[in-house]
Amino acid sequence: MMDALHAEWTKLRTQPGTGWLLLAAAALTVAVGAAAAAATRCPAGGCPEDPARISLTGIYLGQAVVAALAVMVVSGEYGTGMIRVTLAAVPRRVTVLAAKAAVVTGLVLVAGALAVLPSLLAGRLILPGHGIGPAHGYPALSLADGPVLRAACGSVLYLALIALLSVGTAAALREAAAAIGVVLGLLYLFPIIGAVVGHPEVARHIEQIGPMTAGLTIEATTGLSKLPISPWAGLGVLAAWAAGALLVGGLLLRARDA
């Protein structure tokens, strides 16, 4: 396993696009979060806004870059034929998949932290000037606050789980475009379907099983009783999607020829 991890780390860090994609994911997350904070206004009478969730709005787009990176770690080798060399060097295919998943997850955890912390800092600096701050009854965004800390750590874990979901999907489908399409479809189609469904209870159930709609409840720090699912349970739904994708990907990887 250590040899497989070293090999996957070497391949990933020597690819020219890896660093740029990780930087793009972090920069996009911070930029969109800051823009969302700058665009939010709250009148003097107060409004039901969640400062942490506003600051972390960029996760909605940053996750797409994370998904693309994770898919390419697997599908890129099928496209070049490098997968044959990889499987010849490490015949145990589950070990290969586990090594890829571990290396990608480690990098995404670092990039996620570099995205989430500046996003919260931007919200802390911008939102008070727009009526969402201590002067208007909102607590200051701080990691010393339990719900904010949970939102921050949970958002980093959310991005890591998106990476694992993408690795498993890529192992199952092999082709990069198809895998990225399936992952993005799973993420963004559930909220669209929930929005167009006329029945509120059905829409709530759709949000409870969607990997993005359930997983991103981890960002909420206010109005928890109104969420379709509790924050940690929502992250657990995403974890179940990721585990299912890895299981299917691992089984297909073992069953098929390279």
C-alpha atoms as a PDB file:
ATOM      1  CA  MET A   1       0.000   0.000   0.000  1.00  0.00           C
ATOM      2  CA  MET A   2       2.816   2.421   0.803  1.00  0.00           C
ATOM      3  CA  ASP A   3       4.371   1.810  -2.619  1.00  0.00           C
ATOM      4  CA  ALA A   4       0.998   2.409  -4.273  1.00  0.00           C
ATOM      5  CA  LEU A   5       0.516   5.640  -2.313  1.00  0.00           C
ATOM      6  CA  HIS A   6       3.991   6.836  -3.266  1.00  0.00           C
ATOM      7  CA  ALA A   7       3.360   6.044  -6.923  1.00  0.00           C
ATOM      8  CA  GLU A   8       0.007   7.836  -6.990  1.00  0.00           C
ATOM      9  CA  TRP A   9       1.464  10.843  -5.168  1.00  0.00           C
ATOM     10  CA  THR A  10       4.321  11.013  -7.678  1.00  0.00           C
ATOM     11  CA  LYS A  11       1.958  10.829 -10.645  1.00  0.00           C
ATOM     12  CA  LEU A  12      -0.437  13.401  -9.255  1.00  0.00           C
ATOM     13  CA  ARG A  13       2.108  15.998  -8.159  1.00  0.00           C
ATOM     14  CA  THR A  14       4.037  15.807 -11.439  1.00  0.00           C
ATOM     15  CA  GLN A  15       0.952  16.443 -13.595  1.00  0.00           C
ATOM     16  CA  PRO A  16       1.003  20.132 -14.606  1.00  0.00           C
ATOM     17  CA  GLY A  17      -2.729  20.636 -14.143  1.00  0.00           C
ATOM     18  CA  THR A  18      -3.068  19.348 -10.570  1.00  0.00           C
ATOM     19  CA  GLY A  19      -1.805  22.422  -8.765  1.00  0.00           C
ATOM     20  CA  TRP A  20      -3.727  24.785 -11.016  1.00  0.00           C
ATOM     21  CA  LEU A  21      -6.996  22.909 -10.504  1.00  0.00           C
ATOM     22  CA  LEU A  22      -6.580  22.924  -6.737  1.00  0.00           C
ATOM     23  CA  LEU A  23      -5.784  26.643  -6.778  1.00  0.00           C
ATOM     24  CA  ALA A  24      -8.755  27.249  -9.074  1.00  0.00           C
ATOM     25  CA  ALA A  25     -11.078  25.376  -6.706  1.00  0.00           C
ATOM     26  CA  ALA A  26      -9.875  27.408  -3.724  1.00  0.00           C
ATOM     27  CA  ALA A  27      -9.859  30.746  -5.573  1.00  0.00           C
ATOM     28  CA  LEU A  28     -13.306  30.188  -7.091  1.00  0.00           C
ATOM     29  CA  THR A  29     -14.756  29.245  -3.719  1.00  0.00           C
ATOM     30  CA  VAL A  30     -13.346  32.334  -2.024  1.00  0.00           C
ATOM     31  CA  ALA A  31     -14.275  34.698  -4.872  1.00  0.00           C
ATOM     32  CA  VAL A  32     -17.872  33.505  -5.122  1.00  0.00           C
ATOM     33  CA  GLY A  33     -18.277  33.542  -1.343  1.00  0.00           C
ATOM     34  CA  ALA A  34     -16.959  37.113  -1.132  1.00  0.00           C
ATOM     35  CA  ALA A  35     -19.210  38.171  -4.010  1.00  0.00           C
ATOM     36  CA  ALA A  36     -22.230  36.608  -2.301  1.00  0.00           C
ATOM     37  CA  ALA A  37     -21.396  38.435   0.930  1.00  0.00           C
ATOM     38  CA  ALA A  38     -20.990  41.721  -0.951  1.00  0.00           C
ATOM     39  CA  ALA A  39     -24.318  41.225  -2.737  1.00  0.00           C
ATOM     40  CA  THR A  40     -26.325  40.430   0.408  1.00  0.00           C
ATOM     41  CA  ARG A  41     -28.218  43.260   2.069  1.00  0.00           C
ATOM     42  CA  CYS A  42     -30.200  43.117   5.282  1.00  0.00           C
ATOM     43  CA  PRO A  43     -32.575  45.935   6.291  1.00  0.00           C
ATOM     44  CA  ALA A  44     -32.446  47.484   9.728  1.00  0.00           C
ATOM     45  CA  GLY A  45     -35.347  45.340  10.904  1.00  0.00           C
ATOM     46  CA  GLY A  46     -33.340  42.143  10.464  1.00  0.00           C
ATOM     47  CA  CYS A  47     -33.631  39.218   8.070  1.00  0.00           C
ATOM     48  CA  PRO A  48     -33.336  35.416   8.279  1.00  0.00           C
ATOM     49  CA  GLU A  49     -29.850  35.202   6.805  1.00  0.00           C
ATOM     50  CA  ASP A  50     -27.154  32.737   7.838  1.00  0.00           C
ATOM     51  CA  PRO A  51     -23.772  34.539   7.785  1.00  0.00           C
ATOM     52  CA  ALA A  52     -21.722  31.342   7.602  1.00  0.00           C
ATOM     53  CA  ARG A  53     -23.781  29.887   4.773  1.00  0.00           C
ATOM     54  CA  ILE A  54     -23.564  33.126   2.790  1.00  0.00           C
ATOM     55  CA  SER A  55     -19.779  33.182   3.192  1.00  0.00           C
ATOM     56  CA  LEU A  56     -19.507  29.565   2.026  1.00  0.00           C
ATOM     57  CA  THR A  57     -21.662  30.021  -1.096  1.00  0.00           C
ATOM     58  CA  GLY A  58     -18.576  29.424  -3.243  1.00  0.00           C
ATOM     59  CA  ILE A  59     -18.649  25.717  -2.342  1.00  0.00           C
ATOM     60  CA  TYR A  60     -21.487  25.348  -4.872  1.00  0.00           C
ATOM     61  CA  LEU A  61     -19.054  26.082  -7.722  1.00  0.00           C
ATOM     62  CA  GLY A  62     -15.742  25.026  -6.184  1.00  0.00           C
ATOM     63  CA  GLN A  63     -17.013  21.460  -5.887  1.00  0.00           C
ATOM     64  CA  ALA A  64     -17.261  21.210  -9.695  1.00  0.00           C
ATOM     65  CA  VAL A  65     -13.508  21.822 -10.011  1.00  0.00           C
ATOM     66  CA  VAL A  66     -12.817  19.277  -7.277  1.00  0.00           C
ATOM     67  CA  ALA A  67     -14.985  16.737  -9.112  1.00  0.00           C
ATOM     68  CA  ALA A  68     -13.145  17.341 -12.389  1.00  0.00           C
ATOM     69  CA  LEU A  69      -9.742  16.884 -10.720  1.00  0.00           C
ATOM     70  CA  ALA A  70     -10.778  13.675  -8.962  1.00  0.00           C
ATOM     71  CA  VAL A  71     -12.276  12.200 -12.134  1.00  0.00           C
ATOM     72  CA  MET A  72      -9.129  12.928 -14.131  1.00  0.00           C
ATOM     73  CA  VAL A  73      -6.972  11.087 -11.596  1.00  0.00           C
ATOM     74  CA  VAL A  74      -8.691   7.862 -12.674  1.00  0.00           C
ATOM     75  CA  SER A  75     -10.034   8.534 -16.170  1.00  0.00           C
ATOM     76  CA  GLY A  76      -6.855  10.248 -17.322  1.00  0.00           C
ATOM     77  CA  GLU A  77      -4.949   6.973 -17.017  1.00  0.00           C
ATOM     78  CA  TYR A  78      -7.555   5.154 -19.088  1.00  0.00           C
ATOM     79  CA  GLY A  79      -7.310   7.837 -21.756  1.00  0.00           C
ATOM     80  CA  THR A  80      -3.530   7.523 -22.067  1.00  0.00           C
ATOM     81  CA  GLY A  81      -3.290   3.775 -21.464  1.00  0.00           C
ATOM     82  CA  MET A  82      -1.177   4.374 -18.365  1.00  0.00           C
ATOM     83  CA  ILE A  83      -3.642   2.294 -16.382  1.00  0.00           C
ATOM     84  CA  ARG A  84      -2.092  -0.897 -17.826  1.00  0.00           C
ATOM     85  CA  VAL A  85       1.289   0.058 -16.405  1.00  0.00           C
ATOM     86  CA  THR A  86      -0.289   0.960 -13.065  1.00  0.00           C
ATOM     87  CA  LEU A  87      -2.115  -2.364 -12.770  1.00  0.00           C
ATOM     88  CA  ALA A  88       0.957  -4.295 -13.874  1.00  0.00           C
ATOM     89  CA  ALA A  89       2.980  -2.639 -11.103  1.00  0.00           C
ATOM     90  CA  VAL A  90       0.218  -3.044  -8.502  1.00  0.00           C
ATOM     91  CA  PRO A  91      -1.924  -6.055  -9.486  1.00  0.00           C
ATOM     92  CA  ARG A  92      -4.286  -5.659  -6.532  1.00  0.00           C
ATOM     93  CA  ARG A  93      -6.774  -3.298  -8.097  1.00  0.00           C
ATOM     94  CA  VAL A  94      -8.562  -2.356  -4.902  1.00  0.00           C
ATOM     95  CA  THR A  95      -5.204  -1.184  -3.568  1.00  0.00           C
ATOM     96  CA  VAL A  96      -4.784   1.038  -6.629  1.00  0.00           C
ATOM     97  CA  LEU A  97      -8.213   2.574  -6.171  1.00  0.00           C
ATOM     98  CA  ALA A  98      -7.668   3.076  -2.444  1.00  0.00           C
ATOM     99  CA  ALA A  99      -4.308   4.761  -3.077  1.00  0.00           C
ATOM    100  CA  LYS A 100      -5.808   7.103  -5.667  1.00  0.00           C
ATOM    101  CA  ALA A 101      -8.695   7.957  -3.350  1.00  0.00           C
ATOM    102  CA  ALA A 102      -6.363   8.604  -0.403  1.00  0.00           C
ATOM    103  CA  VAL A 103      -3.991  10.885  -2.326  1.00  0.00           C
ATOM    104  CA  VAL A 104      -6.772  12.895  -3.936  1.00  0.00           C
ATOM    105  CA  THR A 105      -8.623  13.221  -0.639  1.00  0.00           C
ATOM    106  CA  GLY A 106      -5.504  14.489   1.127  1.00  0.00           C
ATOM    107  CA  LEU A 107      -4.928  17.185  -1.480  1.00  0.00           C
ATOM    108  CA  VAL A 108      -8.582  18.214  -1.495  1.00  0.00           C
ATOM    109  CA  LEU A 109      -8.608  18.505   2.305  1.00  0.00           C
ATOM    110  CA  VAL A 110      -5.713  20.975   2.088  1.00  0.00           C
ATOM    111  CA  ALA A 111      -7.315  22.915  -0.781  1.00  0.00           C
ATOM    112  CA  GLY A 112     -10.639  22.873   1.055  1.00  0.00           C
ATOM    113  CA  ALA A 113      -9.103  24.415   4.152  1.00  0.00           C
ATOM    114  CA  LEU A 114      -7.446  27.080   1.975  1.00  0.00           C
ATOM    115  CA  ALA A 115     -10.855  27.821   0.465  1.00  0.00           C
ATOM    116  CA  VAL A 116     -13.097  27.718   3.535  1.00  0.00           C
ATOM    117  CA  LEU A 117     -11.033  29.774   5.978  1.00  0.00           C
ATOM    118  CA  PRO A 118     -10.557  32.804   3.662  1.00  0.00           C
ATOM    119  CA  SER A 119     -14.239  32.582   2.697  1.00  0.00           C
ATOM    120  CA  LEU A 120     -15.281  32.905   6.319  1.00  0.00           C
ATOM    121  CA  LEU A 121     -12.765  35.710   6.818  1.00  0.00           C
ATOM    122  CA  ALA A 122     -14.207  37.556   3.823  1.00  0.00           C
ATOM    123  CA  GLY A 123     -17.697  37.149   5.257  1.00  0.00           C
ATOM    124  CA  ARG A 124     -16.536  38.378   8.654  1.00  0.00           C
ATOM    125  CA  LEU A 125     -15.131  41.534   7.036  1.00  0.00           C
ATOM    126  CA  ILE A 126     -17.872  42.229   4.479  1.00  0.00           C
ATOM    127  CA  LEU A 127     -21.196  41.193   6.031  1.00  0.00           C
ATOM    128  CA  PRO A 128     -21.248  43.606   9.042  1.00  0.00           C
ATOM    129  CA  GLY A 129     -21.245  46.523   6.609  1.00  0.00           C
ATOM    130  CA  HIS A 130     -24.371  45.119   4.996  1.00  0.00           C
ATOM    131  CA  GLY A 131     -26.459  44.780   8.125  1.00  0.00           C
ATOM    132  CA  ILE A 132     -25.386  41.245   9.055  1.00  0.00           C
ATOM    133  CA  GLY A 133     -23.050  41.597  12.015  1.00  0.00           C
ATOM    134  CA  PRO A 134     -22.819  42.055  15.785  1.00  0.00           C
ATOM    135  CA  ALA A 135     -24.291  45.564  15.592  1.00  0.00           C
ATOM    136  CA  HIS A 136     -27.483  44.076  14.156  1.00  0.00           C
ATOM    137  CA  GLY A 137     -27.783  41.070  16.446  1.00  0.00           C
ATOM    138  CA  TYR A 138     -25.767  38.573  14.408  1.00  0.00           C
ATOM    139  CA  PRO A 139     -22.763  36.879  16.056  1.00  0.00           C
ATOM    140  CA  ALA A 140     -19.385  37.581  14.481  1.00  0.00           C
ATOM    141  CA  LEU A 141     -18.090  34.775  12.287  1.00  0.00           C
ATOM    142  CA  SER A 142     -15.479  33.013  14.395  1.00  0.00           C
ATOM    143  CA  LEU A 143     -14.130  29.479  14.613  1.00  0.00           C
ATOM    144  CA  ALA A 144     -14.502  29.821  18.369  1.00  0.00           C
ATOM    145  CA  ASP A 145     -18.258  29.610  17.779  1.00  0.00           C
ATOM    146  CA  GLY A 146     -19.309  25.940  17.736  1.00  0.00           C
ATOM    147  CA  PRO A 147     -21.771  26.105  14.809  1.00  0.00           C
ATOM    148  CA  VAL A 148     -19.330  28.096  12.678  1.00  0.00           C
ATOM    149  CA  LEU A 149     -16.536  25.647  13.442  1.00  0.00           C
ATOM    150  CA  ARG A 150     -18.840  22.784  12.461  1.00  0.00           C
ATOM    151  CA  ALA A 151     -19.744  24.574   9.233  1.00  0.00           C
ATOM    152  CA  ALA A 152     -16.072  25.174   8.419  1.00  0.00           C
ATOM    153  CA  CYS A 153     -14.836  21.654   9.168  1.00  0.00           C
ATOM    154  CA  GLY A 154     -17.925  20.124   7.590  1.00  0.00           C
ATOM    155  CA  SER A 155     -17.427  22.100   4.381  1.00  0.00           C
ATOM    156  CA  VAL A 156     -13.866  20.811   4.069  1.00  0.00           C
ATOM    157  CA  LEU A 157     -15.124  17.263   4.637  1.00  0.00           C
ATOM    158  CA  TYR A 158     -17.884  17.907   2.091  1.00  0.00           C
ATOM    159  CA  LEU A 159     -15.315  18.681  -0.617  1.00  0.00           C
ATOM    160  CA  ALA A 160     -13.319  15.574   0.318  1.00  0.00           C
ATOM    161  CA  LEU A 161     -16.449  13.428  -0.018  1.00  0.00           C
ATOM    162  CA  ILE A 162     -17.171  14.990  -3.416  1.00  0.00           C
ATOM    163  CA  ALA A 163     -13.668  13.902  -4.447  1.00  0.00           C
ATOM    164  CA  LEU A 164     -14.324  10.333  -3.267  1.00  0.00           C
ATOM    165  CA  LEU A 165     -17.678  10.258  -5.075  1.00  0.00           C
ATOM    166  CA  SER A 166     -15.902  11.373  -8.234  1.00  0.00           C
ATOM    167  CA  VAL A 167     -13.099   8.817  -7.924  1.00  0.00           C
ATOM    168  CA  GLY A 168     -15.601   5.989  -7.518  1.00  0.00           C
ATOM    169  CA  THR A 169     -17.700   7.199 -10.451  1.00  0.00           C
ATOM    170  CA  ALA A 170     -14.643   7.505 -12.677  1.00  0.00           C
ATOM    171  CA  ALA A 171     -13.517   3.984 -11.755  1.00  0.00           C
ATOM    172  CA  ALA A 172     -16.956   2.685 -12.732  1.00  0.00           C
ATOM    173  CA  LEU A 173     -17.341   4.625 -15.998  1.00  0.00           C
ATOM    174  CA  ARG A 174     -13.673   5.100 -17.026  1.00  0.00           C
ATOM    175  CA  GLU A 175     -14.442   7.824 -19.592  1.00  0.00           C
ATOM    176  CA  ALA A 176     -13.798  11.319 -18.205  1.00  0.00           C
ATOM    177  CA  ALA A 177     -16.649  13.205 -19.872  1.00  0.00           C
ATOM    178  CA  ALA A 178     -19.218  10.607 -18.841  1.00  0.00           C
ATOM    179  CA  ALA A 179     -17.956  10.476 -15.253  1.00  0.00           C
ATOM    180  CA  ILE A 180     -17.905  14.264 -14.851  1.00  0.00           C
ATOM    181  CA  GLY A 181     -21.375  14.469 -16.370  1.00  0.00           C
ATOM    182  CA  VAL A 182     -22.755  11.868 -13.964  1.00  0.00           C
ATOM    183  CA  VAL A 183     -21.166  13.492 -10.908  1.00  0.00           C
ATOM    184  CA  LEU A 184     -22.360  16.986 -11.802  1.00  0.00           C
ATOM    185  CA  GLY A 185     -25.782  15.577 -12.631  1.00  0.00           C
ATOM    186  CA  LEU A 186     -26.014  13.943  -9.209  1.00  0.00           C
ATOM    187  CA  LEU A 187     -24.989  17.197  -7.550  1.00  0.00           C
ATOM    188  CA  TYR A 188     -27.087  19.739  -9.419  1.00  0.00           C
ATOM    189  CA  LEU A 189     -30.134  17.831 -10.690  1.00  0.00           C
ATOM    190  CA  PHE A 190     -31.617  17.024  -7.275  1.00  0.00           C
ATOM    191  CA  PRO A 191     -32.139  20.696  -6.289  1.00  0.00           C
ATOM    192  CA  ILE A 192     -33.599  21.439  -9.734  1.00  0.00           C
ATOM    193  CA  ILE A 193     -36.045  18.551  -9.444  1.00  0.00           C
ATOM    194  CA  GLY A 194     -36.929  19.611  -5.919  1.00  0.00           C
ATOM    195  CA  ALA A 195     -37.610  23.155  -7.100  1.00  0.00           C
ATOM    196  CA  VAL A 196     -39.999  22.127  -9.870  1.00  0.00           C
ATOM    197  CA  VAL A 197     -41.905  19.529  -7.849  1.00  0.00           C
ATOM    198  CA  GLY A 198     -45.164  21.053  -6.742  1.00  0.00           C
ATOM    199  CA  HIS A 199     -45.613  19.043  -3.542  1.00  0.00           C
ATOM    200  CA  PRO A 200     -43.583  20.472  -0.600  1.00  0.00           C
ATOM    201  CA  GLU A 201     -43.246  17.130   1.188  1.00  0.00           C
ATOM    202  CA  VAL A 202     -41.962  15.378  -1.946  1.00  0.00           C
ATOM    203  CA  ALA A 203     -39.515  18.242  -2.531  1.00  0.00           C
ATOM    204  CA  ARG A 204     -38.279  17.869   1.061  1.00  0.00           C
ATOM    205  CA  HIS A 205     -37.641  14.147   0.568  1.00  0.00           C
ATOM    206  CA  ILE A 206     -35.737  14.862  -2.650  1.00  0.00           C
ATOM    207  CA  GLU A 207     -33.545  17.327  -0.766  1.00  0.00           C
ATOM    208  CA  GLN A 208     -32.940  14.730   1.937  1.00  0.00           C
ATOM    209  CA  ILE A 209     -31.514  12.178  -0.506  1.00  0.00           C
ATOM    210  CA  GLY A 210     -29.644  14.497  -2.871  1.00  0.00           C
ATOM    211  CA  PRO A 211     -25.866  14.415  -2.286  1.00  0.00           C
ATOM    212  CA  MET A 212     -25.501  18.192  -2.566  1.00  0.00           C
ATOM    213  CA  THR A 213     -28.746  19.345  -0.973  1.00  0.00           C
ATOM    214  CA  ALA A 214     -28.255  17.008   1.969  1.00  0.00           C
ATOM    215  CA  GLY A 215     -24.502  17.432   2.266  1.00  0.00           C
ATOM    216  CA  LEU A 216     -24.488  21.227   2.260  1.00  0.00           C
ATOM    217  CA  THR A 217     -26.787  21.419   5.262  1.00  0.00           C
ATOM    218  CA  ILE A 218     -23.510  21.082   7.185  1.00  0.00           C
ATOM    219  CA  GLU A 219     -22.955  24.795   6.438  1.00  0.00           C
ATOM    220  CA  ALA A 220     -26.081  25.920   8.277  1.00  0.00           C
ATOM    221  CA  THR A 221     -25.639  27.663  11.624  1.00  0.00           C
ATOM    222  CA  THR A 222     -29.134  29.133  12.027  1.00  0.00           C
ATOM    223  CA  GLY A 223     -32.671  27.870  11.419  1.00  0.00           C
ATOM    224  CA  LEU A 224     -31.667  24.241  11.836  1.00  0.00           C
ATOM    225  CA  SER A 225     -35.248  23.189  12.541  1.00  0.00           C
ATOM    226  CA  LYS A 226     -36.251  24.315   9.041  1.00  0.00           C
ATOM    227  CA  LEU A 227     -33.623  22.229   7.253  1.00  0.00           C
ATOM    228  CA  PRO A 228     -34.772  19.141   5.313  1.00  0.00           C
ATOM    229  CA  ILE A 229     -32.214  17.084   7.279  1.00  0.00           C
ATOM    230  CA  SER A 230     -29.870  17.778  10.187  1.00  0.00           C
ATOM    231  CA  PRO A 231     -26.321  18.921   9.286  1.00  0.00           C
ATOM    232  CA  TRP A 232     -24.344  15.815  10.267  1.00  0.00           C
ATOM    233  CA  ALA A 233     -27.031  13.474   8.946  1.00  0.00           C
ATOM    234  CA  GLY A 234     -26.922  15.377   5.662  1.00  0.00           C
ATOM    235  CA  LEU A 235     -23.171  14.926   5.449  1.00  0.00           C
ATOM    236  CA  GLY A 236     -23.770  11.248   6.179  1.00  0.00           C
ATOM    237  CA  VAL A 237     -26.040  11.041   3.121  1.00  0.00           C
ATOM    238  CA  LEU A 238     -23.211  12.365   0.949  1.00  0.00           C
ATOM    239  CA  ALA A 239     -20.824   9.900   2.605  1.00  0.00           C
ATOM    240  CA  ALA A 240     -23.209   7.078   1.681  1.00  0.00           C
ATOM    241  CA  TRP A 241     -23.244   8.243  -1.957  1.00  0.00           C
ATOM    242  CA  ALA A 242     -19.425   8.360  -1.965  1.00  0.00           C
ATOM    243  CA  ALA A 243     -19.139   4.913  -0.369  1.00  0.00           C
ATOM    244  CA  GLY A 244     -21.592   3.475  -2.886  1.00  0.00           C
ATOM    245  CA  ALA A 245     -19.683   4.955  -5.807  1.00  0.00           C
ATOM    246  CA  LEU A 246     -16.371   3.592  -4.490  1.00  0.00           C
ATOM    247  CA  LEU A 247     -17.903   0.165  -3.926  1.00  0.00           C
ATOM    248  CA  VAL A 248     -19.329  -0.018  -7.457  1.00  0.00           C
ATOM    249  CA  GLY A 249     -16.123   1.395  -8.925  1.00  0.00           C
ATOM    250  CA  GLY A 250     -13.983  -1.083  -7.026  1.00  0.00           C
ATOM    251  CA  LEU A 251     -16.108  -4.053  -8.048  1.00  0.00           C
ATOM    252  CA  LEU A 252     -16.078  -3.040 -11.722  1.00  0.00           C
ATOM    253  CA  LEU A 253     -12.366  -2.337 -11.591  1.00  0.00           C
ATOM    254  CA  ARG A 254     -11.754  -5.887 -10.365  1.00  0.00           C
ATOM    255  CA  ALA A 255     -14.169  -7.485 -12.816  1.00  0.00           C
ATOM    256  CA  ARG A 256     -13.083  -5.835 -16.063  1.00  0.00           C
ATOM    257  CA  ASP A 257      -9.920  -5.876 -18.130  1.00  0.00           C
ATOM    258  CA  ALA A 258      -7.833  -2.739 -18.263  1.00  0.00           C
END
